[in-house]
Amino acid sequence: MQLRRAARSLCCCLGAWRGASSSAEAPLDATPLSRAVRLRPYGVVGTRLEASGAMVAEVPPPTDGRTAFVDPAGLHHIQPPGGPSGAGGAAGAIYRFLGIADAPAFPAAVVAAVTATGCAKHHEYALPPGPASYALRHGREAPAPAAPVGHAIHVVGPDLRVGAPTWDGAVAALATAYRNALAEFDASELPTLRLLPISGGIFAGAFRERVPRLTREALDAGFAQLPEATQQRLLSRELELCIFAEAEFEGFVRVGFHPDAGYVGANR
């Protein structure tokens, strides 16, 4: 009996140790990019999924012609015979906002540029009337522009469910996607970018619980691959990391992304 109790006690201790080793991670040092990026408690089109399950229009959507936002595109949707109409999740919401949710194909320039995982392409869309008045319908005092446009940066993130990648391999694959998305934003010369965690949903696979740290490491690594002049231009612009689900927000704070003071209070 005493032996069995001792064995149970040892198993409990080992279980606790394993749990601590998987959850306790070394803190990440601040970098120029992590200091520049501002964490936002809403998705790239301005809505937030609250912990209660309610959907809230947090800020006006990016219709001002000055803001680019990242679309986590699937390669099978970008390349024929795919098209926007089959997309769901974050990409599907973005395509509805852009007015292309029922389109049979993406613009030719996007199809030509986004041919593999990690590729990215910026494209300007003329928005339909609905998104232009979105802010007003939700009680926001933000007049829509006369000819609203949406600047999407379509980028294909890696499917981390495939091939059992190591942590370093996952970071490297994601870094390529972030590097190319940042390069497209730089070339657009727009002042503001709304990023999101690429491969942060079901594509995260075994890394699903570590997406905040994966995002932080990959974003830093992708940024470091850019030329120095590009890095400096990016740091002088407004970079936002948009977190759609309220329940996930604090995880990104813990890995060193900084929200504005008002946003922190609203999400704790």
C-alpha atoms as a PDB file:
ATOM      1  CA  MET A   1       0.000   0.000   0.000  1.00  0.00           C
ATOM      2  CA  GLN A   2       2.772   2.424   0.939  1.00  0.00           C
ATOM      3  CA  LEU A   3       4.575   1.515  -2.279  1.00  0.00           C
ATOM      4  CA  ARG A   4       1.479   2.299  -4.347  1.00  0.00           C
ATOM      5  CA  ARG A   5       1.013   5.631  -2.554  1.00  0.00           C
ATOM      6  CA  ALA A   6       4.656   6.508  -3.174  1.00  0.00           C
ATOM      7  CA  ALA A   7       4.295   5.608  -6.847  1.00  0.00           C
ATOM      8  CA  ARG A   8       1.172   7.791  -7.154  1.00  0.00           C
ATOM      9  CA  SER A   9       2.988  10.638  -5.454  1.00  0.00           C
ATOM     10  CA  LEU A  10       5.939  10.288  -7.821  1.00  0.00           C
ATOM     11  CA  CYS A  11       3.610  10.289 -10.842  1.00  0.00           C
ATOM     12  CA  CYS A  12       1.911  13.448  -9.588  1.00  0.00           C
ATOM     13  CA  CYS A  13       5.268  15.140  -9.124  1.00  0.00           C
ATOM     14  CA  LEU A  14       6.405  14.123 -12.594  1.00  0.00           C
ATOM     15  CA  GLY A  15       3.117  15.321 -14.080  1.00  0.00           C
ATOM     16  CA  ALA A  16       3.470  18.701 -12.404  1.00  0.00           C
ATOM     17  CA  TRP A  17       7.052  18.947 -13.608  1.00  0.00           C
ATOM     18  CA  ARG A  18       6.098  18.136 -17.176  1.00  0.00           C
ATOM     19  CA  GLY A  19       3.318  20.741 -17.125  1.00  0.00           C
ATOM     20  CA  ALA A  20       5.661  23.392 -15.769  1.00  0.00           C
ATOM     21  CA  SER A  21       8.317  22.615 -18.352  1.00  0.00           C
ATOM     22  CA  SER A  22       5.836  22.957 -21.228  1.00  0.00           C
ATOM     23  CA  SER A  23       4.265  26.210 -20.011  1.00  0.00           C
ATOM     24  CA  ALA A  24       7.211  28.055 -18.416  1.00  0.00           C
ATOM     25  CA  GLU A  25       9.185  29.791 -21.144  1.00  0.00           C
ATOM     26  CA  ALA A  26      12.029  32.235 -20.986  1.00  0.00           C
ATOM     27  CA  PRO A  27      10.881  35.838 -21.426  1.00  0.00           C
ATOM     28  CA  LEU A  28      11.650  37.453 -24.757  1.00  0.00           C
ATOM     29  CA  ASP A  29      13.832  40.542 -24.902  1.00  0.00           C
ATOM     30  CA  ALA A  30      12.290  43.657 -26.376  1.00  0.00           C
ATOM     31  CA  THR A  31      13.274  44.419 -29.962  1.00  0.00           C
ATOM     32  CA  PRO A  32      12.825  47.554 -32.079  1.00  0.00           C
ATOM     33  CA  LEU A  33       9.890  45.852 -33.800  1.00  0.00           C
ATOM     34  CA  SER A  34       8.182  44.629 -30.620  1.00  0.00           C
ATOM     35  CA  ARG A  35       8.431  48.174 -29.256  1.00  0.00           C
ATOM     36  CA  ALA A  36       6.922  49.609 -32.445  1.00  0.00           C
ATOM     37  CA  VAL A  37       4.022  47.188 -32.870  1.00  0.00           C
ATOM     38  CA  ARG A  38       0.843  48.102 -31.023  1.00  0.00           C
ATOM     39  CA  LEU A  39      -1.517  45.358 -29.918  1.00  0.00           C
ATOM     40  CA  ARG A  40      -5.166  45.951 -30.800  1.00  0.00           C
ATOM     41  CA  PRO A  41      -8.190  44.123 -29.319  1.00  0.00           C
ATOM     42  CA  TYR A  42     -10.029  43.628 -32.610  1.00  0.00           C
ATOM     43  CA  GLY A  43      -9.584  41.898 -35.942  1.00  0.00           C
ATOM     44  CA  VAL A  44      -8.221  43.575 -39.054  1.00  0.00           C
ATOM     45  CA  VAL A  45     -11.672  44.724 -40.202  1.00  0.00           C
ATOM     46  CA  GLY A  46     -12.457  46.252 -36.797  1.00  0.00           C
ATOM     47  CA  THR A  47     -14.634  43.621 -35.085  1.00  0.00           C
ATOM     48  CA  ARG A  48     -13.932  41.738 -31.860  1.00  0.00           C
ATOM     49  CA  LEU A  49     -15.162  38.382 -30.602  1.00  0.00           C
ATOM     50  CA  GLU A  50     -15.882  38.843 -26.905  1.00  0.00           C
ATOM     51  CA  ALA A  51     -15.413  36.100 -24.331  1.00  0.00           C
ATOM     52  CA  SER A  52     -19.213  35.873 -24.106  1.00  0.00           C
ATOM     53  CA  GLY A  53     -19.398  34.969 -27.783  1.00  0.00           C
ATOM     54  CA  ALA A  54     -20.824  38.348 -28.805  1.00  0.00           C
ATOM     55  CA  MET A  55     -19.443  40.090 -31.882  1.00  0.00           C
ATOM     56  CA  VAL A  56     -18.690  43.785 -31.377  1.00  0.00           C
ATOM     57  CA  ALA A  57     -17.793  46.496 -33.899  1.00  0.00           C
ATOM     58  CA  GLU A  58     -14.856  47.930 -31.975  1.00  0.00           C
ATOM     59  CA  VAL A  59     -13.452  50.451 -34.469  1.00  0.00           C
ATOM     60  CA  PRO A  60     -14.308  51.590 -37.998  1.00  0.00           C
ATOM     61  CA  PRO A  61     -13.117  49.276 -40.769  1.00  0.00           C
ATOM     62  CA  PRO A  62     -10.083  50.245 -42.884  1.00  0.00           C
ATOM     63  CA  THR A  63     -11.856  52.115 -45.676  1.00  0.00           C
ATOM     64  CA  ASP A  64      -9.845  55.347 -45.558  1.00  0.00           C
ATOM     65  CA  GLY A  65      -7.337  54.390 -48.247  1.00  0.00           C
ATOM     66  CA  ARG A  66      -4.491  54.795 -45.758  1.00  0.00           C
ATOM     67  CA  THR A  67      -4.563  51.411 -44.007  1.00  0.00           C
ATOM     68  CA  ALA A  68      -3.390  48.059 -45.330  1.00  0.00           C
ATOM     69  CA  PHE A  69      -4.402  44.856 -43.621  1.00  0.00           C
ATOM     70  CA  VAL A  70      -3.191  41.267 -43.833  1.00  0.00           C
ATOM     71  CA  ASP A  71      -5.371  38.532 -45.297  1.00  0.00           C
ATOM     72  CA  PRO A  72      -4.357  35.010 -44.152  1.00  0.00           C
ATOM     73  CA  ALA A  73      -5.097  33.486 -47.534  1.00  0.00           C
ATOM     74  CA  GLY A  74      -5.166  29.826 -48.464  1.00  0.00           C
ATOM     75  CA  LEU A  75      -3.082  28.957 -51.510  1.00  0.00           C
ATOM     76  CA  HIS A  76      -5.842  26.672 -52.779  1.00  0.00           C
ATOM     77  CA  HIS A  77      -8.181  29.681 -52.785  1.00  0.00           C
ATOM     78  CA  ILE A  78      -5.727  32.052 -54.476  1.00  0.00           C
ATOM     79  CA  GLN A  79      -4.790  29.675 -57.262  1.00  0.00           C
ATOM     80  CA  PRO A  80      -7.351  28.436 -59.800  1.00  0.00           C
ATOM     81  CA  PRO A  81      -9.736  26.748 -59.669  1.00  0.00           C
ATOM     82  CA  GLY A  82     -10.169  28.126 -56.134  1.00  0.00           C
ATOM     83  CA  GLY A  83     -11.331  31.675 -55.588  1.00  0.00           C
ATOM     84  CA  PRO A  84     -12.589  33.737 -52.645  1.00  0.00           C
ATOM     85  CA  SER A  85     -16.028  32.132 -52.592  1.00  0.00           C
ATOM     86  CA  GLY A  86     -14.881  28.985 -50.808  1.00  0.00           C
ATOM     87  CA  ALA A  87     -13.008  30.684 -47.966  1.00  0.00           C
ATOM     88  CA  GLY A  88     -14.150  30.707 -44.355  1.00  0.00           C
ATOM     89  CA  GLY A  89     -12.822  31.986 -41.037  1.00  0.00           C
ATOM     90  CA  ALA A  90     -10.812  35.222 -40.988  1.00  0.00           C
ATOM     91  CA  ALA A  91     -10.227  35.139 -44.744  1.00  0.00           C
ATOM     92  CA  GLY A  92     -13.932  34.684 -45.445  1.00  0.00           C
ATOM     93  CA  ALA A  93     -14.801  37.704 -43.281  1.00  0.00           C
ATOM     94  CA  ILE A  94     -12.178  39.762 -45.092  1.00  0.00           C
ATOM     95  CA  TYR A  95     -13.526  38.781 -48.516  1.00  0.00           C
ATOM     96  CA  ARG A  96     -17.050  39.739 -47.477  1.00  0.00           C
ATOM     97  CA  PHE A  97     -15.708  43.103 -46.369  1.00  0.00           C
ATOM     98  CA  LEU A  98     -13.878  43.542 -49.690  1.00  0.00           C
ATOM     99  CA  GLY A  99     -16.997  42.567 -51.633  1.00  0.00           C
ATOM    100  CA  ILE A 100     -15.311  39.597 -53.349  1.00  0.00           C
ATOM    101  CA  ALA A 101     -16.831  36.754 -51.302  1.00  0.00           C
ATOM    102  CA  ASP A 102     -18.796  35.532 -54.330  1.00  0.00           C
ATOM    103  CA  ALA A 103     -16.081  36.176 -56.896  1.00  0.00           C
ATOM    104  CA  PRO A 104     -14.940  33.136 -58.904  1.00  0.00           C
ATOM    105  CA  ALA A 105     -11.286  34.198 -58.839  1.00  0.00           C
ATOM    106  CA  PHE A 106      -8.807  36.636 -57.331  1.00  0.00           C
ATOM    107  CA  PRO A 107      -7.384  39.507 -59.385  1.00  0.00           C
ATOM    108  CA  ALA A 108      -4.837  38.332 -61.951  1.00  0.00           C
ATOM    109  CA  ALA A 109      -1.982  40.214 -60.256  1.00  0.00           C
ATOM    110  CA  VAL A 110      -2.640  38.370 -56.979  1.00  0.00           C
ATOM    111  CA  VAL A 111      -2.824  34.983 -58.695  1.00  0.00           C
ATOM    112  CA  ALA A 112       0.440  35.657 -60.531  1.00  0.00           C
ATOM    113  CA  ALA A 113       2.315  36.721 -57.395  1.00  0.00           C
ATOM    114  CA  VAL A 114       1.002  34.321 -54.746  1.00  0.00           C
ATOM    115  CA  THR A 115       2.150  30.960 -56.073  1.00  0.00           C
ATOM    116  CA  ALA A 116       3.547  29.231 -52.963  1.00  0.00           C
ATOM    117  CA  THR A 117       3.455  29.210 -49.182  1.00  0.00           C
ATOM    118  CA  GLY A 118       5.035  32.378 -47.819  1.00  0.00           C
ATOM    119  CA  CYS A 119       4.220  34.531 -50.856  1.00  0.00           C
ATOM    120  CA  ALA A 120       2.435  37.866 -50.351  1.00  0.00           C
ATOM    121  CA  LYS A 121       0.811  40.461 -52.588  1.00  0.00           C
ATOM    122  CA  HIS A 122      -0.755  43.850 -51.907  1.00  0.00           C
ATOM    123  CA  HIS A 123      -3.873  44.728 -53.893  1.00  0.00           C
ATOM    124  CA  GLU A 124      -6.227  47.700 -53.781  1.00  0.00           C
ATOM    125  CA  TYR A 125      -9.956  46.977 -53.960  1.00  0.00           C
ATOM    126  CA  ALA A 126     -12.851  49.333 -54.606  1.00  0.00           C
ATOM    127  CA  LEU A 127     -15.208  48.558 -51.755  1.00  0.00           C
ATOM    128  CA  PRO A 128     -18.963  48.011 -52.140  1.00  0.00           C
ATOM    129  CA  PRO A 129     -21.373  50.484 -50.480  1.00  0.00           C
ATOM    130  CA  GLY A 130     -21.976  48.267 -47.443  1.00  0.00           C
ATOM    131  CA  PRO A 131     -18.523  48.412 -45.853  1.00  0.00           C
ATOM    132  CA  ALA A 132     -18.320  52.160 -46.531  1.00  0.00           C
ATOM    133  CA  SER A 133     -21.220  52.832 -44.164  1.00  0.00           C
ATOM    134  CA  TYR A 134     -20.274  50.105 -41.678  1.00  0.00           C
ATOM    135  CA  ALA A 135     -18.941  52.497 -39.049  1.00  0.00           C
ATOM    136  CA  LEU A 136     -22.036  54.671 -39.206  1.00  0.00           C
ATOM    137  CA  ARG A 137     -24.402  51.694 -38.925  1.00  0.00           C
ATOM    138  CA  HIS A 138     -22.629  50.729 -35.722  1.00  0.00           C
ATOM    139  CA  GLY A 139     -22.851  54.156 -34.150  1.00  0.00           C
ATOM    140  CA  ARG A 140     -19.285  55.264 -34.858  1.00  0.00           C
ATOM    141  CA  GLU A 141     -18.710  58.936 -35.596  1.00  0.00           C
ATOM    142  CA  ALA A 142     -16.430  58.307 -38.541  1.00  0.00           C
ATOM    143  CA  PRO A 143     -17.664  59.484 -41.941  1.00  0.00           C
ATOM    144  CA  ALA A 144     -16.919  57.036 -44.728  1.00  0.00           C
ATOM    145  CA  PRO A 145     -14.883  58.314 -47.688  1.00  0.00           C
ATOM    146  CA  ALA A 146     -16.729  59.058 -50.909  1.00  0.00           C
ATOM    147  CA  ALA A 147     -14.901  56.279 -52.755  1.00  0.00           C
ATOM    148  CA  PRO A 148     -13.883  53.754 -50.109  1.00  0.00           C
ATOM    149  CA  VAL A 149     -10.996  51.444 -50.900  1.00  0.00           C
ATOM    150  CA  GLY A 150      -9.521  48.449 -49.137  1.00  0.00           C
ATOM    151  CA  HIS A 151      -5.821  47.637 -49.221  1.00  0.00           C
ATOM    152  CA  ALA A 152      -5.378  43.918 -48.634  1.00  0.00           C
ATOM    153  CA  ILE A 153      -2.058  42.129 -48.374  1.00  0.00           C
ATOM    154  CA  HIS A 154      -2.802  38.542 -49.268  1.00  0.00           C
ATOM    155  CA  VAL A 155      -0.262  36.187 -47.686  1.00  0.00           C
ATOM    156  CA  VAL A 156      -0.169  32.398 -47.489  1.00  0.00           C
ATOM    157  CA  GLY A 157       1.027  31.112 -44.141  1.00  0.00           C
ATOM    158  CA  PRO A 158       2.358  27.590 -43.590  1.00  0.00           C
ATOM    159  CA  ASP A 159       0.032  24.780 -42.568  1.00  0.00           C
ATOM    160  CA  LEU A 160       1.816  23.642 -39.420  1.00  0.00           C
ATOM    161  CA  ARG A 161      -0.339  20.527 -39.202  1.00  0.00           C
ATOM    162  CA  VAL A 162       1.647  19.099 -42.112  1.00  0.00           C
ATOM    163  CA  GLY A 163       5.050  17.456 -41.819  1.00  0.00           C
ATOM    164  CA  ALA A 164       5.425  17.627 -38.017  1.00  0.00           C
ATOM    165  CA  PRO A 165       7.658  20.738 -38.067  1.00  0.00           C
ATOM    166  CA  THR A 166       9.978  21.518 -35.175  1.00  0.00           C
ATOM    167  CA  TRP A 167       9.601  24.792 -33.297  1.00  0.00           C
ATOM    168  CA  ASP A 168      12.515  26.312 -35.212  1.00  0.00           C
ATOM    169  CA  GLY A 169      11.069  25.057 -38.485  1.00  0.00           C
ATOM    170  CA  ALA A 170       7.684  26.604 -37.701  1.00  0.00           C
ATOM    171  CA  VAL A 171       9.304  29.924 -36.787  1.00  0.00           C
ATOM    172  CA  ALA A 172      11.349  29.912 -40.003  1.00  0.00           C
ATOM    173  CA  ALA A 173       8.351  29.133 -42.223  1.00  0.00           C
ATOM    174  CA  LEU A 174       6.252  31.831 -40.605  1.00  0.00           C
ATOM    175  CA  ALA A 175       9.139  34.314 -40.741  1.00  0.00           C
ATOM    176  CA  THR A 176       9.107  34.054 -44.538  1.00  0.00           C
ATOM    177  CA  ALA A 177       5.417  34.922 -44.649  1.00  0.00           C
ATOM    178  CA  TYR A 178       5.843  37.890 -42.285  1.00  0.00           C
ATOM    179  CA  ARG A 179       8.903  39.144 -44.178  1.00  0.00           C
ATOM    180  CA  ASN A 180       7.057  39.134 -47.485  1.00  0.00           C
ATOM    181  CA  ALA A 181       3.930  40.740 -46.011  1.00  0.00           C
ATOM    182  CA  LEU A 182       6.027  43.509 -44.439  1.00  0.00           C
ATOM    183  CA  ALA A 183       7.884  44.038 -47.716  1.00  0.00           C
ATOM    184  CA  GLU A 184       4.572  44.424 -49.566  1.00  0.00           C
ATOM    185  CA  PHE A 185       3.391  46.937 -46.976  1.00  0.00           C
ATOM    186  CA  ASP A 186       6.627  48.889 -47.325  1.00  0.00           C
ATOM    187  CA  ALA A 187       6.219  49.008 -51.116  1.00  0.00           C
ATOM    188  CA  SER A 188       2.617  50.229 -50.753  1.00  0.00           C
ATOM    189  CA  GLU A 189       3.855  53.413 -49.008  1.00  0.00           C
ATOM    190  CA  LEU A 190       0.701  53.408 -46.871  1.00  0.00           C
ATOM    191  CA  PRO A 191       1.062  54.778 -43.319  1.00  0.00           C
ATOM    192  CA  THR A 192      -0.748  52.041 -41.343  1.00  0.00           C
ATOM    193  CA  LEU A 193      -0.688  48.247 -41.298  1.00  0.00           C
ATOM    194  CA  ARG A 194      -3.087  45.951 -39.489  1.00  0.00           C
ATOM    195  CA  LEU A 195      -1.337  42.624 -38.981  1.00  0.00           C
ATOM    196  CA  LEU A 196      -2.795  39.434 -37.557  1.00  0.00           C
ATOM    197  CA  PRO A 197      -1.267  36.170 -36.324  1.00  0.00           C
ATOM    198  CA  ILE A 198      -0.575  34.292 -39.571  1.00  0.00           C
ATOM    199  CA  SER A 199      -1.340  30.548 -39.276  1.00  0.00           C
ATOM    200  CA  GLY A 200      -2.876  31.383 -35.912  1.00  0.00           C
ATOM    201  CA  GLY A 201      -6.026  29.267 -36.213  1.00  0.00           C
ATOM    202  CA  ILE A 202      -6.383  25.637 -37.194  1.00  0.00           C
ATOM    203  CA  PHE A 203      -3.198  25.868 -39.303  1.00  0.00           C
ATOM    204  CA  ALA A 204      -1.201  26.230 -36.069  1.00  0.00           C
ATOM    205  CA  GLY A 205      -1.599  22.508 -35.448  1.00  0.00           C
ATOM    206  CA  ALA A 206       0.370  21.313 -32.421  1.00  0.00           C
ATOM    207  CA  PHE A 207       1.496  24.912 -31.765  1.00  0.00           C
ATOM    208  CA  ARG A 208      -2.039  26.194 -31.193  1.00  0.00           C
ATOM    209  CA  GLU A 209      -1.476  26.948 -27.502  1.00  0.00           C
ATOM    210  CA  ARG A 210       1.788  28.765 -28.248  1.00  0.00           C
ATOM    211  CA  VAL A 211       0.620  31.020 -31.083  1.00  0.00           C
ATOM    212  CA  PRO A 212       1.464  34.279 -29.245  1.00  0.00           C
ATOM    213  CA  ARG A 213       5.112  33.305 -28.759  1.00  0.00           C
ATOM    214  CA  LEU A 214       5.291  31.773 -32.235  1.00  0.00           C
ATOM    215  CA  THR A 215       3.956  35.013 -33.701  1.00  0.00           C
ATOM    216  CA  ARG A 216       6.418  37.137 -31.736  1.00  0.00           C
ATOM    217  CA  GLU A 217       9.476  35.055 -32.688  1.00  0.00           C
ATOM    218  CA  ALA A 218       8.483  34.692 -36.355  1.00  0.00           C
ATOM    219  CA  LEU A 219       7.598  38.367 -36.758  1.00  0.00           C
ATOM    220  CA  ASP A 220      10.942  39.417 -35.290  1.00  0.00           C
ATOM    221  CA  ALA A 221      12.783  36.903 -37.487  1.00  0.00           C
ATOM    222  CA  GLY A 222      10.987  37.998 -40.661  1.00  0.00           C
ATOM    223  CA  PHE A 223      11.633  41.659 -39.906  1.00  0.00           C
ATOM    224  CA  ALA A 224      15.356  40.924 -39.356  1.00  0.00           C
ATOM    225  CA  GLN A 225      15.571  39.468 -42.879  1.00  0.00           C
ATOM    226  CA  LEU A 226      14.598  42.771 -44.480  1.00  0.00           C
ATOM    227  CA  PRO A 227      17.180  45.352 -45.612  1.00  0.00           C
ATOM    228  CA  GLU A 228      18.114  47.933 -43.008  1.00  0.00           C
ATOM    229  CA  ALA A 229      16.533  50.761 -44.996  1.00  0.00           C
ATOM    230  CA  THR A 230      13.247  48.845 -45.197  1.00  0.00           C
ATOM    231  CA  GLN A 231      13.328  48.180 -41.461  1.00  0.00           C
ATOM    232  CA  GLN A 232      13.764  51.862 -40.692  1.00  0.00           C
ATOM    233  CA  ARG A 233      10.875  52.859 -42.944  1.00  0.00           C
ATOM    234  CA  LEU A 234       8.618  50.293 -41.294  1.00  0.00           C
ATOM    235  CA  LEU A 235       9.534  51.457 -37.802  1.00  0.00           C
ATOM    236  CA  SER A 236       8.506  54.990 -38.732  1.00  0.00           C
ATOM    237  CA  ARG A 237       4.977  53.864 -39.644  1.00  0.00           C
ATOM    238  CA  GLU A 238       2.023  52.638 -37.631  1.00  0.00           C
ATOM    239  CA  LEU A 239       2.126  48.872 -37.133  1.00  0.00           C
ATOM    240  CA  GLU A 240      -0.780  47.148 -35.402  1.00  0.00           C
ATOM    241  CA  LEU A 241      -1.168  43.501 -34.407  1.00  0.00           C
ATOM    242  CA  CYS A 242      -4.904  42.812 -34.363  1.00  0.00           C
ATOM    243  CA  ILE A 243      -6.277  40.079 -32.109  1.00  0.00           C
ATOM    244  CA  PHE A 244      -9.838  39.148 -33.008  1.00  0.00           C
ATOM    245  CA  ALA A 245     -10.720  36.992 -29.975  1.00  0.00           C
ATOM    246  CA  GLU A 246     -10.805  38.729 -26.609  1.00  0.00           C
ATOM    247  CA  ALA A 247      -9.842  35.471 -24.873  1.00  0.00           C
ATOM    248  CA  GLU A 248      -6.498  35.405 -26.728  1.00  0.00           C
ATOM    249  CA  PHE A 249      -5.465  39.009 -26.129  1.00  0.00           C
ATOM    250  CA  GLU A 250      -3.539  38.595 -22.874  1.00  0.00           C
ATOM    251  CA  GLY A 251      -1.388  35.843 -24.332  1.00  0.00           C
ATOM    252  CA  PHE A 252       0.094  38.365 -26.751  1.00  0.00           C
ATOM    253  CA  VAL A 253       0.686  40.866 -23.960  1.00  0.00           C
ATOM    254  CA  ARG A 254       2.652  38.204 -22.076  1.00  0.00           C
ATOM    255  CA  VAL A 255       5.109  37.712 -24.948  1.00  0.00           C
ATOM    256  CA  GLY A 256       5.968  41.395 -25.105  1.00  0.00           C
ATOM    257  CA  PHE A 257       3.513  43.049 -27.481  1.00  0.00           C
ATOM    258  CA  HIS A 258       2.319  46.392 -26.116  1.00  0.00           C
ATOM    259  CA  PRO A 259      -1.251  47.654 -26.241  1.00  0.00           C
ATOM    260  CA  ASP A 260      -2.137  51.253 -25.586  1.00  0.00           C
ATOM    261  CA  ALA A 261      -3.015  51.860 -21.934  1.00  0.00           C
ATOM    262  CA  GLY A 262      -6.727  52.180 -22.651  1.00  0.00           C
ATOM    263  CA  TYR A 263      -6.805  48.862 -24.483  1.00  0.00           C
ATOM    264  CA  VAL A 264      -5.105  47.020 -21.641  1.00  0.00           C
ATOM    265  CA  GLY A 265      -7.761  48.167 -19.198  1.00  0.00           C
ATOM    266  CA  ALA A 266     -10.532  47.127 -21.557  1.00  0.00           C
ATOM    267  CA  ASN A 267      -9.249  43.593 -21.902  1.00  0.00           C
ATOM    268  CA  ARG A 268      -8.404  42.509 -18.344  1.00  0.00           C
END
